[in-house]
Amino acid sequence: MIFCSFFLIPAQAQIYEPVTWNGERVGDSVRCTATIEEGWHMTLFSVGAESMYEEIHAREYTVMIGAADTICFNACSDIEGRCLAPEYWSMTNDQVAELGNGLADKSLLWIFVLGFLGGLLAIFTPCVWPIIPMTVSFFLKRTDKGARNAILYGLSIIVLYVGLGLLVTILFGASALNELSTNAVVNIVFFLILVLFALSFFGLFEITLPDSWSTKLDSKARSTGGFLSILFMAFTLVIVSFSCTGPIIGTLLVEAAGRSILAPAFGMLGFAVALALPFSLFAMFPQWLKKAPKSGDWMTSFKVVLAFLELALSLKFLSVADLVYGWGILPRWLFIAIWILCFAGIGIYLLVRIHKLSWIRRIIRALVIIPSLAFAAYLVPGLWGAPVKAISAFAPPREIEGLEKFHDYEQGLAYARQENKPVIIDFTGYGCVNCRKMEDHVIDVDTVKTRLQNYVFIELFVDERHNGIGAKNSAIQREKYGSNAQPFYVQLDANGNVIADYMAFTTDPMEFINWLKY
C-alpha cells in the first residue's frame, strides 16, 4: 500500500478510465472483476495488506479480497506507452451490504420459516397444548384486561426466545457458529439428543426438568403484579415445555449456525411467533376454547409421528460426523433404508385402528398417511443408487456416474499437466447443504457431465477431519483462491493458472455450462 502511494507517474489532463471494477459478495469475501479496455493493460500493486506487482494483459481479471480491503492498481496504454497514476478501488460499506442483502434476506427468511414451522409443531405437543386453556383462563380471570394481558404474554414468549437466539450468538460469536454445522462433536451430541427425545416420545420414558423449577416460577408469577408477573408466566412455559421444544429449538439453532449473525435470533423469532399465536388468539376469542380438541389419543399419535421424524432427522447429524471422520458406519444405502422405515412407520402406525375413528379424523390421518407412504416408496430406488434428490440436503453424498474425480490437489494437477488438460476444482464439504443441491441439480446433468469430460475434476472436502485432509484443503482454498465458502468452483489451465471467474452456488445448469471455457 505504501508502494502504491508513492508510485508517481505523470498523467495527461484528459481523464482516462480504461479499467472499471465490479464486486460480487461471496461468503465473507468479495469477488472483484476488472474490465480492461482494448489497447490497455493493468498493473496490480496490492490487494489489501498483500504487496504484489503483476501485469495484467487480459481483458478481464478477477481477484478475491476481504470486504474491507482496497485494491491498488494503475493502467498503461499498449499503443502510446502512457501510464496513468495509481488508483485505489474498494467496496463501500453500502455496496457490500447491498451485494449481501439478497442472499442474507433469503437465508434469514428461510430460517424464520423453519422456526415458524417448528413453533407450529411445538404447539401440538403434550408439553404445550394442555397449557393453553389453563393459561388463557388464568389471564381472563385475573383482570378485566385478560385479552391485553394474554397478548403481552405472547410478546413475552417472543422476547424470551429471541433473547435466547441472541444469547447464542453473543456467547459463541459468528465465527464459532459457522463451525457448528460441520463440527463432528456437536453433530454427535445433537444426534444423541434427538434419539433420546424420540425414544421419550415413543413412550419409553418421560423427560422433564425438576418440578421445583416450574413450581417456583409459577408461584412467583402469581404473587407478582404487572408485566413482571406475565414475564414469569412466559418463562414458566419455556421451562415446562422444554422436554418437547428442546429438540426442535436445538435443531433450529444448528441449522441457523453460520448463515448469518442474526440467523439464530430470526429462527427463534419464527418459533416464538408460532408458539405465542394460540395463547393470544384464544384470549381474544375465548369461545374458541370450547371448540378446541381436548388432549387425548390424537396427541399420543402426534408424539409418535414426531418421534419418527426426529429419528430420521437425527441421522443427518450422525452422517456429518461419520463423513468428516471417515468412520464409514452410515453408508448412503443404510441412511436411506432407515428413512424408509421411519416414513413407512408413520403411515403404518396411523393406519392401525383407523376404521374405528370418525370420518373427519380418518381424513386428517389420510392427509398424513398417503404422503408418508408415498415418500417411503419414492426413497426405495435410492437403495440401488437412484438420486432421490428430495433428500440430497440430508443424505451422504453419492458418487456421480460418469464423472471421474481426484481427491488430492497435487495429484490432480500433476495428472492435468501430464495429459495437458484443464482443471475444475470443486471445494465442497460433507456438511454443506448447497453443495449437495448443486451436485444433484447441476453437476449430475448429462450436458454438464459431457462438458466436464474435457477437464480433470478435483473434489476437495474442506471439513474432513481424517489425517488433516480437510484443514489442508481449506488452506488451499483460502490462500490460493481467497475464499472460505462452499460450494466454490475454480477453473484452471493445465499449468494451474486461473482461466475464469470463480463459480459459487447455482441450480441453473446453463449458467454453469456458460461458465466453462472448454
Protein backbone atom coordinates (compact mmCIF):
# COMPACT_ATOMS: atom_id res chain seq x y z
CA MET A 1 0.00 0.00 0.00
CA ILE A 2 2.90 2.36 0.80
CA PHE A 3 4.45 1.47 -2.57
CA CYS A 4 1.25 2.45 -4.30
CA SER A 5 1.06 5.78 -2.52
CA PHE A 6 4.50 6.92 -3.76
CA PHE A 7 4.34 5.42 -7.25
CA LEU A 8 4.10 8.73 -9.05
CA ILE A 9 3.58 8.64 -12.82
CA PRO A 10 2.79 11.73 -14.90
CA ALA A 11 -0.77 11.80 -16.23
CA GLN A 12 -2.28 13.85 -19.06
CA ALA A 13 -5.00 16.41 -18.44
CA GLN A 14 -7.52 14.25 -20.28
CA ILE A 15 -9.38 11.85 -17.97
CA TYR A 16 -8.93 8.19 -18.90
CA GLU A 17 -10.83 5.36 -17.21
CA PRO A 18 -9.66 2.23 -19.04
CA VAL A 19 -10.24 -0.03 -16.02
CA THR A 20 -13.62 -0.49 -14.36
CA TRP A 21 -14.19 -2.66 -11.31
CA ASN A 22 -17.26 -4.54 -10.16
CA GLY A 23 -17.71 -6.61 -7.00
CA GLU A 24 -19.77 -9.62 -6.04
CA ARG A 25 -20.22 -10.88 -2.49
CA VAL A 26 -19.02 -14.49 -1.91
CA GLY A 27 -19.39 -15.53 1.72
CA ASP A 28 -17.30 -13.13 3.83
CA SER A 29 -15.25 -12.05 0.79
CA VAL A 30 -15.81 -10.02 -2.36
CA ARG A 31 -15.02 -11.30 -5.85
CA CYS A 32 -13.74 -8.26 -7.79
CA THR A 33 -13.64 -8.24 -11.57
CA ALA A 34 -11.67 -5.65 -13.56
CA THR A 35 -12.77 -4.96 -17.14
CA ILE A 36 -9.84 -3.55 -19.13
CA GLU A 37 -10.37 -1.65 -22.38
CA GLU A 38 -8.78 -2.84 -25.62
CA GLY A 39 -5.30 -1.35 -26.05
CA TRP A 40 -4.60 -1.12 -22.31
CA HIS A 41 -3.14 -3.34 -19.65
CA MET A 42 -3.19 -3.08 -15.87
CA THR A 43 -0.53 -3.37 -13.19
CA LEU A 44 -1.73 -4.62 -9.82
CA PHE A 45 0.34 -3.30 -6.90
CA SER A 46 -1.50 -4.53 -3.82
CA VAL A 47 -4.64 -6.28 -2.62
CA GLY A 48 -5.46 -5.35 0.96
CA ALA A 49 -2.31 -5.79 3.04
CA GLU A 50 -0.67 -8.01 0.45
CA SER A 51 2.16 -6.45 -1.56
CA MET A 52 2.33 -7.56 -5.18
CA TYR A 53 3.43 -6.45 -8.62
CA GLU A 54 1.67 -8.15 -11.51
CA GLU A 55 0.97 -7.01 -15.07
CA ILE A 56 -2.47 -8.00 -16.34
CA HIS A 57 -2.86 -8.11 -20.14
CA ALA A 58 -6.21 -9.96 -20.20
CA ARG A 59 -9.42 -8.07 -20.96
CA GLU A 60 -10.87 -9.29 -17.66
CA TYR A 61 -9.18 -10.07 -14.37
CA THR A 62 -10.72 -11.41 -11.17
CA VAL A 63 -9.33 -11.29 -7.64
CA MET A 64 -10.81 -12.16 -4.22
CA ILE A 65 -10.49 -9.58 -1.43
CA GLY A 66 -11.92 -9.06 2.03
CA ALA A 67 -14.99 -6.87 2.29
CA ALA A 68 -12.93 -4.01 3.79
CA ASP A 69 -9.80 -4.42 1.62
CA THR A 70 -8.54 -1.98 -1.03
CA ILE A 71 -7.05 -2.70 -4.44
CA CYS A 72 -4.17 -0.54 -5.70
CA PHE A 73 -3.57 -0.53 -9.47
CA ASN A 74 -2.72 1.57 -12.48
CA ALA A 75 -3.34 1.26 -16.24
CA CYS A 76 -0.91 1.65 -19.14
CA SER A 77 -1.62 2.15 -22.84
CA ASP A 78 -0.22 -0.61 -25.09
CA ILE A 79 -0.11 1.80 -28.05
CA GLU A 80 1.24 5.07 -26.63
CA GLY A 81 3.17 3.61 -23.70
CA ARG A 82 1.45 6.13 -21.42
CA CYS A 83 0.71 5.02 -17.82
CA LEU A 84 -1.87 6.59 -15.59
CA ALA A 85 -1.37 7.44 -11.94
CA PRO A 86 -2.09 4.64 -9.44
CA GLU A 87 -5.68 4.40 -8.26
CA TYR A 88 -7.47 2.80 -5.34
CA TRP A 89 -10.65 0.76 -5.56
CA SER A 90 -12.65 -0.80 -2.75
CA MET A 91 -16.19 -1.81 -1.97
CA THR A 92 -18.01 0.76 0.12
CA ASN A 93 -19.96 -0.45 3.10
CA ASP A 94 -23.20 0.34 1.27
CA GLN A 95 -22.10 -1.70 -1.75
CA VAL A 96 -21.07 -4.66 0.40
CA ALA A 97 -24.35 -4.53 2.28
CA GLU A 98 -26.31 -4.25 -0.97
CA LEU A 99 -24.49 -7.21 -2.50
CA GLY A 100 -25.01 -9.33 0.58
CA ASN A 101 -28.60 -8.35 1.25
CA GLY A 102 -30.20 -10.56 -1.43
CA LEU A 103 -28.64 -13.78 -0.13
CA ALA A 104 -28.84 -12.75 3.50
CA ASP A 105 -32.51 -11.82 3.24
CA LYS A 106 -33.34 -15.17 1.66
CA SER A 107 -31.32 -17.00 4.29
CA LEU A 108 -32.95 -15.14 7.18
CA LEU A 109 -36.40 -15.60 5.69
CA TRP A 110 -35.77 -19.33 5.31
CA ILE A 111 -34.61 -19.58 8.94
CA PHE A 112 -37.68 -17.63 10.07
CA VAL A 113 -39.96 -20.01 8.13
CA LEU A 114 -38.19 -23.05 9.62
CA GLY A 115 -38.59 -21.55 13.08
CA PHE A 116 -42.28 -20.83 12.47
CA LEU A 117 -42.92 -24.41 11.32
CA GLY A 118 -41.05 -25.68 14.36
CA GLY A 119 -43.23 -23.50 16.57
CA LEU A 120 -46.38 -24.90 14.96
CA LEU A 121 -45.15 -28.42 15.68
CA ALA A 122 -44.44 -27.48 19.28
CA ILE A 123 -48.00 -26.21 19.82
CA PHE A 124 -49.45 -29.69 19.36
CA THR A 125 -47.02 -31.43 21.69
CA PRO A 126 -48.25 -32.69 25.08
CA CYS A 127 -46.00 -30.18 26.83
CA VAL A 128 -47.68 -27.12 25.27
CA TRP A 129 -51.24 -27.92 24.16
CA PRO A 130 -52.67 -28.65 27.64
CA ILE A 131 -51.17 -25.40 28.97
CA ILE A 132 -53.11 -23.20 26.53
CA PRO A 133 -56.58 -23.37 28.17
CA MET A 134 -55.14 -23.17 31.69
CA THR A 135 -53.00 -20.14 30.91
CA VAL A 136 -55.67 -18.29 28.94
CA SER A 137 -58.25 -18.92 31.68
CA PHE A 138 -55.82 -17.60 34.25
CA PHE A 139 -55.42 -14.33 32.36
CA LEU A 140 -59.13 -13.95 31.66
CA LYS A 141 -59.99 -14.32 35.34
CA ARG A 142 -57.16 -12.18 36.60
CA THR A 143 -58.43 -8.74 35.49
CA ASP A 144 -60.82 -7.11 33.08
CA LYS A 145 -57.89 -6.82 30.68
CA GLY A 146 -57.43 -10.53 30.08
CA ALA A 147 -57.03 -10.23 26.30
CA ARG A 148 -54.42 -7.50 26.66
CA ASN A 149 -52.52 -9.49 29.26
CA ALA A 150 -52.56 -12.63 27.12
CA ILE A 151 -51.20 -10.63 24.17
CA LEU A 152 -48.43 -9.33 26.44
CA TYR A 153 -47.88 -12.96 27.45
CA GLY A 154 -47.41 -13.89 23.79
CA LEU A 155 -44.99 -10.98 23.31
CA SER A 156 -43.08 -12.14 26.40
CA ILE A 157 -42.68 -15.58 24.84
CA ILE A 158 -41.28 -13.93 21.72
CA VAL A 159 -38.87 -11.78 23.75
CA LEU A 160 -37.59 -14.79 25.69
CA TYR A 161 -36.93 -16.95 22.63
CA VAL A 162 -35.42 -14.14 20.54
CA GLY A 163 -33.23 -13.33 23.53
CA LEU A 164 -32.13 -16.96 23.55
CA GLY A 165 -31.14 -16.70 19.90
CA LEU A 166 -29.17 -13.52 20.52
CA LEU A 167 -27.52 -15.08 23.56
CA VAL A 168 -26.29 -17.99 21.45
CA THR A 169 -24.71 -15.54 19.01
CA ILE A 170 -23.12 -13.43 21.78
CA LEU A 171 -21.70 -16.44 23.63
CA PHE A 172 -20.28 -18.25 20.62
CA GLY A 173 -19.72 -15.46 18.09
CA ALA A 174 -20.32 -15.54 14.37
CA SER A 175 -17.13 -17.45 13.54
CA ALA A 176 -17.83 -20.17 16.10
CA LEU A 177 -21.41 -20.53 14.90
CA ASN A 178 -20.08 -21.09 11.41
CA GLU A 179 -18.24 -24.18 12.69
CA LEU A 180 -21.27 -25.73 14.41
CA SER A 181 -22.89 -27.17 11.30
CA THR A 182 -19.80 -29.24 10.43
CA ASN A 183 -18.29 -29.83 13.87
CA ALA A 184 -18.31 -33.59 14.43
CA VAL A 185 -18.65 -33.44 18.22
CA VAL A 186 -21.59 -31.01 18.01
CA ASN A 187 -23.28 -33.21 15.41
CA ILE A 188 -22.83 -36.33 17.56
CA VAL A 189 -24.31 -34.53 20.58
CA PHE A 190 -27.35 -33.43 18.62
CA PHE A 191 -27.75 -36.92 17.16
CA LEU A 192 -27.86 -38.38 20.68
CA ILE A 193 -30.23 -35.67 21.93
CA LEU A 194 -32.70 -36.24 19.10
CA VAL A 195 -32.60 -40.02 19.58
CA LEU A 196 -33.16 -39.53 23.33
CA PHE A 197 -36.18 -37.31 22.77
CA ALA A 198 -37.53 -39.63 20.07
CA LEU A 199 -37.43 -42.57 22.49
CA SER A 200 -39.21 -40.39 25.04
CA PHE A 201 -41.94 -39.54 22.53
CA PHE A 202 -42.32 -43.25 21.76
CA GLY A 203 -43.27 -43.59 25.44
CA LEU A 204 -40.21 -45.45 26.75
CA PHE A 205 -39.63 -42.84 29.46
CA GLU A 206 -40.50 -39.26 30.35
CA ILE A 207 -38.06 -36.36 30.17
CA THR A 208 -38.87 -33.48 32.50
CA LEU A 209 -36.98 -30.70 34.18
CA PRO A 210 -37.14 -30.58 38.02
CA ASP A 211 -40.68 -29.78 39.17
CA SER A 212 -39.27 -27.29 41.66
CA TRP A 213 -38.17 -25.02 38.80
CA SER A 214 -41.61 -24.61 37.29
CA THR A 215 -43.32 -24.55 40.72
CA LYS A 216 -41.15 -21.68 41.96
CA LEU A 217 -41.64 -19.73 38.74
CA ASP A 218 -45.40 -20.29 38.81
CA SER A 219 -45.74 -19.14 42.42
CA LYS A 220 -43.56 -16.13 41.65
CA ALA A 221 -45.81 -15.22 38.73
CA ARG A 222 -48.97 -15.44 40.88
CA SER A 223 -47.52 -13.30 43.66
CA THR A 224 -46.10 -10.63 41.35
CA GLY A 225 -48.12 -7.96 39.63
CA GLY A 226 -47.96 -6.15 36.31
CA PHE A 227 -45.82 -7.05 33.34
CA LEU A 228 -43.24 -8.80 35.53
CA SER A 229 -45.77 -11.47 36.50
CA ILE A 230 -46.62 -12.03 32.84
CA LEU A 231 -42.93 -12.43 32.05
CA PHE A 232 -42.62 -15.03 34.82
CA MET A 233 -45.60 -16.92 33.37
CA ALA A 234 -43.92 -16.94 29.95
CA PHE A 235 -40.70 -18.20 31.49
CA THR A 236 -42.69 -20.95 33.22
CA LEU A 237 -43.99 -22.08 29.83
CA VAL A 238 -40.43 -22.17 28.47
CA ILE A 239 -39.31 -24.39 31.37
CA VAL A 240 -42.35 -26.70 31.41
CA SER A 241 -42.38 -27.20 27.64
CA PHE A 242 -38.64 -27.84 27.33
CA SER A 243 -38.96 -31.62 27.01
CA CYS A 244 -40.94 -31.11 23.79
CA THR A 245 -39.45 -27.88 22.43
CA GLY A 246 -35.81 -28.68 23.25
CA PRO A 247 -35.07 -30.90 20.24
CA ILE A 248 -36.92 -28.54 17.89
CA ILE A 249 -35.01 -25.50 19.15
CA GLY A 250 -31.68 -27.34 19.11
CA THR A 251 -32.17 -28.49 15.51
CA LEU A 252 -33.19 -24.97 14.51
CA LEU A 253 -30.11 -23.35 16.08
CA VAL A 254 -27.76 -25.80 14.36
CA GLU A 255 -29.48 -25.11 11.03
CA ALA A 256 -29.13 -21.36 11.65
CA ALA A 257 -25.45 -21.63 12.61
CA GLY A 258 -23.15 -19.88 10.16
CA ARG A 259 -25.85 -18.45 7.88
CA SER A 260 -25.82 -15.01 9.43
CA ILE A 261 -25.03 -13.42 12.76
CA LEU A 262 -28.76 -12.69 13.09
CA ALA A 263 -29.95 -16.13 11.95
CA PRO A 264 -30.37 -17.67 15.45
CA ALA A 265 -32.48 -14.68 16.54
CA PHE A 266 -34.60 -14.86 13.36
CA GLY A 267 -35.14 -18.58 13.87
CA MET A 268 -36.23 -18.05 17.45
CA LEU A 269 -38.48 -15.19 16.30
CA GLY A 270 -40.32 -17.51 13.89
CA PHE A 271 -40.55 -20.23 16.54
CA ALA A 272 -41.86 -17.86 19.22
CA VAL A 273 -44.42 -16.16 16.94
CA ALA A 274 -45.97 -19.53 16.08
CA LEU A 275 -45.86 -20.71 19.69
CA ALA A 276 -47.41 -17.49 21.03
CA LEU A 277 -50.26 -17.34 18.48
CA PRO A 278 -52.70 -19.74 20.17
CA PHE A 279 -52.36 -18.03 23.56
CA SER A 280 -53.15 -14.61 22.13
CA LEU A 281 -55.90 -15.78 19.76
CA PHE A 282 -57.71 -17.91 22.33
CA ALA A 283 -57.57 -14.99 24.78
CA MET A 284 -59.16 -12.61 22.27
CA PHE A 285 -61.74 -15.22 21.24
CA PRO A 286 -62.28 -17.36 24.37
CA GLN A 287 -65.28 -19.10 22.81
CA TRP A 288 -62.80 -20.93 20.55
CA LEU A 289 -61.51 -22.82 23.58
CA LYS A 290 -64.77 -24.77 23.77
CA LYS A 291 -64.32 -25.96 20.20
CA ALA A 292 -60.62 -26.83 20.53
CA PRO A 293 -59.92 -30.58 20.75
CA LYS A 294 -59.03 -31.86 24.19
CA SER A 295 -55.86 -33.77 24.89
CA GLY A 296 -56.30 -37.46 24.11
CA ASP A 297 -55.39 -40.20 21.65
CA TRP A 298 -54.68 -37.70 18.89
CA MET A 299 -51.89 -36.17 20.97
CA THR A 300 -50.33 -39.59 21.58
CA SER A 301 -50.42 -40.19 17.83
CA PHE A 302 -48.81 -36.79 17.23
CA LYS A 303 -46.00 -37.65 19.66
CA VAL A 304 -45.28 -40.93 17.86
CA VAL A 305 -45.24 -39.22 14.44
CA LEU A 306 -42.86 -36.58 15.82
CA ALA A 307 -40.67 -39.37 17.24
CA PHE A 308 -40.33 -40.98 13.80
CA LEU A 309 -39.44 -37.59 12.26
CA GLU A 310 -36.83 -36.90 14.95
CA LEU A 311 -35.22 -40.30 14.36
CA ALA A 312 -34.99 -39.58 10.64
CA LEU A 313 -33.60 -36.09 11.21
CA SER A 314 -31.07 -37.33 13.77
CA LEU A 315 -29.32 -39.33 11.05
CA LYS A 316 -28.31 -36.12 9.31
CA PHE A 317 -26.16 -35.17 12.31
CA LEU A 318 -24.68 -38.66 12.65
CA SER A 319 -23.93 -38.71 8.92
CA VAL A 320 -21.92 -35.46 9.08
CA ALA A 321 -19.79 -36.78 11.95
CA ASP A 322 -19.36 -40.13 10.18
CA LEU A 323 -18.22 -38.48 6.95
CA VAL A 324 -15.80 -35.91 8.40
CA TYR A 325 -14.02 -38.57 10.45
CA GLY A 326 -14.23 -41.29 7.79
CA TRP A 327 -15.74 -43.93 10.08
CA GLY A 328 -17.91 -45.49 7.37
CA ILE A 329 -20.64 -46.59 9.80
CA LEU A 330 -23.53 -44.93 7.94
CA PRO A 331 -23.27 -45.51 4.17
CA ARG A 332 -25.83 -43.86 1.92
CA TRP A 333 -27.91 -47.02 1.38
CA LEU A 334 -28.27 -47.55 5.16
CA PHE A 335 -29.21 -43.91 5.68
CA ILE A 336 -31.95 -44.24 3.03
CA ALA A 337 -33.12 -47.59 4.43
CA ILE A 338 -33.67 -46.07 7.88
CA TRP A 339 -35.55 -43.13 6.37
CA ILE A 340 -37.78 -45.59 4.50
CA LEU A 341 -38.53 -47.37 7.78
CA CYS A 342 -39.29 -44.09 9.56
CA PHE A 343 -41.74 -42.75 6.97
CA ALA A 344 -43.31 -46.16 6.36
CA GLY A 345 -43.60 -46.45 10.15
CA ILE A 346 -45.57 -43.19 10.28
CA GLY A 347 -48.02 -44.41 7.64
CA ILE A 348 -48.45 -47.89 9.12
CA TYR A 349 -48.83 -46.58 12.69
CA LEU A 350 -51.58 -44.15 11.67
CA LEU A 351 -53.35 -46.86 9.65
CA VAL A 352 -53.82 -49.05 12.71
CA ARG A 353 -57.39 -48.84 14.02
CA ILE A 354 -58.23 -46.03 11.57
CA HIS A 355 -61.55 -47.80 10.91
CA LYS A 356 -62.65 -47.03 14.49
CA LEU A 357 -62.24 -43.27 14.08
CA SER A 358 -64.78 -40.69 12.93
CA TRP A 359 -64.75 -39.83 9.23
CA ILE A 360 -63.22 -36.39 9.95
CA ARG A 361 -60.30 -37.93 11.83
CA ARG A 362 -59.90 -40.53 9.07
CA ILE A 363 -59.50 -37.73 6.52
CA ILE A 364 -56.99 -35.93 8.74
CA ARG A 365 -54.96 -39.11 9.17
CA ALA A 366 -55.14 -39.86 5.45
CA LEU A 367 -53.55 -36.48 4.75
CA VAL A 368 -50.50 -37.73 6.67
CA ILE A 369 -50.62 -41.44 5.77
CA ILE A 370 -50.66 -41.02 1.98
CA PRO A 371 -47.68 -38.61 1.73
CA SER A 372 -45.68 -40.66 4.26
CA LEU A 373 -46.11 -43.96 2.43
CA ALA A 374 -45.61 -42.28 -0.97
CA PHE A 375 -42.37 -40.69 0.25
CA ALA A 376 -41.16 -44.04 1.61
CA ALA A 377 -41.89 -45.63 -1.79
CA TYR A 378 -40.06 -42.77 -3.55
CA LEU A 379 -36.94 -43.49 -1.47
CA VAL A 380 -36.79 -47.22 -2.27
CA PRO A 381 -34.87 -46.87 -5.59
CA GLY A 382 -32.24 -44.93 -3.65
CA LEU A 383 -31.13 -48.24 -2.12
CA TRP A 384 -29.74 -49.14 -5.56
CA GLY A 385 -28.16 -45.77 -6.35
CA ALA A 386 -31.07 -43.66 -7.62
CA PRO A 387 -30.52 -39.92 -6.98
CA VAL A 388 -33.65 -39.37 -4.76
CA LYS A 389 -32.88 -35.65 -4.95
CA ALA A 390 -35.54 -34.72 -2.40
CA ILE A 391 -33.16 -35.75 0.40
CA SER A 392 -29.93 -34.51 -1.17
CA ALA A 393 -29.56 -31.93 1.63
CA PHE A 394 -29.66 -34.66 4.30
CA ALA A 395 -28.23 -37.90 2.91
CA PRO A 396 -24.50 -38.66 2.47
CA PRO A 397 -23.17 -37.53 -0.92
CA ARG A 398 -23.36 -40.06 -3.73
CA GLU A 399 -20.88 -40.84 -6.46
CA ILE A 400 -21.96 -39.27 -9.74
CA GLU A 401 -21.83 -41.83 -12.52
CA GLY A 402 -19.62 -40.99 -15.48
CA LEU A 403 -17.54 -38.40 -13.63
CA GLU A 404 -14.03 -39.40 -12.56
CA LYS A 405 -12.65 -37.42 -9.64
CA PHE A 406 -9.36 -36.77 -7.90
CA HIS A 407 -9.46 -36.04 -4.17
CA ASP A 408 -5.88 -34.83 -3.85
CA TYR A 409 -4.88 -31.36 -5.09
CA GLU A 410 -1.31 -32.17 -6.13
CA GLN A 411 -2.18 -35.50 -7.75
CA GLY A 412 -4.96 -33.89 -9.77
CA LEU A 413 -2.74 -31.06 -11.02
CA ALA A 414 0.07 -33.49 -11.86
CA TYR A 415 -2.32 -35.60 -13.93
CA ALA A 416 -3.61 -32.47 -15.69
CA ARG A 417 -0.07 -31.45 -16.67
CA GLN A 418 0.65 -34.96 -17.88
CA GLU A 419 -2.50 -35.09 -20.02
CA ASN A 420 -2.38 -31.37 -20.91
CA LYS A 421 -5.98 -30.92 -19.78
CA PRO A 422 -7.65 -28.02 -17.93
CA VAL A 423 -8.83 -28.44 -14.35
CA ILE A 424 -12.03 -27.93 -12.37
CA ILE A 425 -11.59 -27.77 -8.59
CA ASP A 426 -14.71 -28.31 -6.51
CA PHE A 427 -14.28 -27.07 -2.94
CA THR A 428 -17.07 -28.77 -1.03
CA GLY A 429 -18.00 -30.05 2.44
CA TYR A 430 -19.78 -33.02 3.95
CA GLY A 431 -21.98 -30.69 5.98
CA CYS A 432 -22.63 -28.34 3.04
CA VAL A 433 -26.33 -28.47 2.09
CA ASN A 434 -25.93 -26.27 -1.00
CA CYS A 435 -23.08 -28.49 -2.23
CA ARG A 436 -25.44 -31.50 -2.33
CA LYS A 437 -28.10 -29.44 -4.10
CA MET A 438 -25.66 -28.22 -6.75
CA GLU A 439 -24.28 -31.72 -7.33
CA ASP A 440 -27.76 -33.11 -7.91
CA HIS A 441 -29.22 -30.25 -9.93
CA VAL A 442 -26.15 -29.14 -11.92
CA ILE A 443 -23.13 -31.46 -11.89
CA ASP A 444 -25.21 -34.62 -12.43
CA VAL A 445 -26.94 -33.19 -15.53
CA ASP A 446 -25.84 -35.10 -18.66
CA THR A 447 -24.97 -31.98 -20.67
CA VAL A 448 -22.80 -30.72 -17.82
CA LYS A 449 -21.07 -34.07 -17.34
CA THR A 450 -20.32 -34.21 -21.08
CA ARG A 451 -18.52 -30.86 -20.89
CA LEU A 452 -16.69 -31.91 -17.73
CA GLN A 453 -15.09 -34.78 -19.64
CA ASN A 454 -12.77 -32.12 -21.09
CA TYR A 455 -11.40 -31.41 -17.60
CA VAL A 456 -9.58 -33.08 -14.76
CA PHE A 457 -12.11 -32.86 -11.92
CA ILE A 458 -10.66 -32.39 -8.41
CA GLU A 459 -13.11 -32.64 -5.49
CA LEU A 460 -11.74 -31.31 -2.19
CA PHE A 461 -13.67 -31.65 1.09
CA VAL A 462 -12.72 -28.83 3.46
CA ASP A 463 -14.36 -30.28 6.59
CA GLU A 464 -12.81 -33.75 6.52
CA ARG A 465 -11.06 -34.44 9.85
CA HIS A 466 -9.30 -37.64 8.75
CA ASN A 467 -5.49 -37.20 8.67
CA GLY A 468 -5.82 -33.41 8.45
CA ILE A 469 -7.03 -33.57 4.85
CA GLY A 470 -9.83 -31.06 5.41
CA ALA A 471 -7.50 -28.50 7.01
CA LYS A 472 -5.12 -28.83 4.06
CA ASN A 473 -7.92 -28.40 1.50
CA SER A 474 -9.36 -25.44 3.40
CA ALA A 475 -5.93 -23.76 3.48
CA ILE A 476 -5.59 -24.25 -0.30
CA GLN A 477 -8.94 -22.55 -0.88
CA ARG A 478 -8.19 -19.62 1.42
CA GLU A 479 -4.57 -18.99 0.48
CA LYS A 480 -4.66 -19.66 -3.26
CA TYR A 481 -8.18 -18.55 -4.16
CA GLY A 482 -9.15 -16.17 -1.37
CA SER A 483 -12.40 -17.79 -0.31
CA ASN A 484 -13.75 -19.93 2.52
CA ALA A 485 -17.32 -20.50 1.29
CA GLN A 486 -18.66 -23.69 -0.27
CA PRO A 487 -19.59 -24.74 -2.88
CA PHE A 488 -16.77 -22.99 -4.72
CA TYR A 489 -15.55 -23.94 -8.22
CA VAL A 490 -12.23 -22.91 -9.75
CA GLN A 491 -11.24 -23.32 -13.40
CA LEU A 492 -7.51 -23.73 -14.22
CA ASP A 493 -5.43 -24.43 -17.27
CA ALA A 494 -3.06 -27.39 -17.44
CA ASN A 495 -0.35 -25.34 -15.68
CA GLY A 496 -2.57 -24.41 -12.76
CA ASN A 497 -3.37 -20.82 -13.80
CA VAL A 498 -6.86 -19.46 -13.17
CA ILE A 499 -8.65 -19.01 -16.50
CA ALA A 500 -12.11 -17.79 -15.46
CA ASP A 501 -14.05 -16.11 -12.69
CA TYR A 502 -14.86 -18.34 -9.77
CA MET A 503 -18.23 -20.07 -9.65
CA ALA A 504 -20.31 -20.23 -6.46
CA PHE A 505 -23.70 -21.81 -5.77
CA THR A 506 -26.23 -22.10 -8.59
CA THR A 507 -29.01 -24.51 -9.52
CA ASP A 508 -29.02 -23.46 -13.18
CA PRO A 509 -27.09 -25.96 -15.37
CA MET A 510 -26.87 -23.46 -18.25
CA GLU A 511 -25.18 -20.89 -16.04
CA PHE A 512 -22.55 -23.47 -15.16
CA ILE A 513 -22.14 -24.59 -18.79
CA ASN A 514 -21.68 -20.97 -19.94
CA TRP A 515 -19.01 -20.58 -17.26
CA LEU A 516 -16.95 -23.48 -18.62
CA LYS A 517 -14.18 -22.49 -21.05
CA TYR A 518 -13.87 -25.92 -22.73
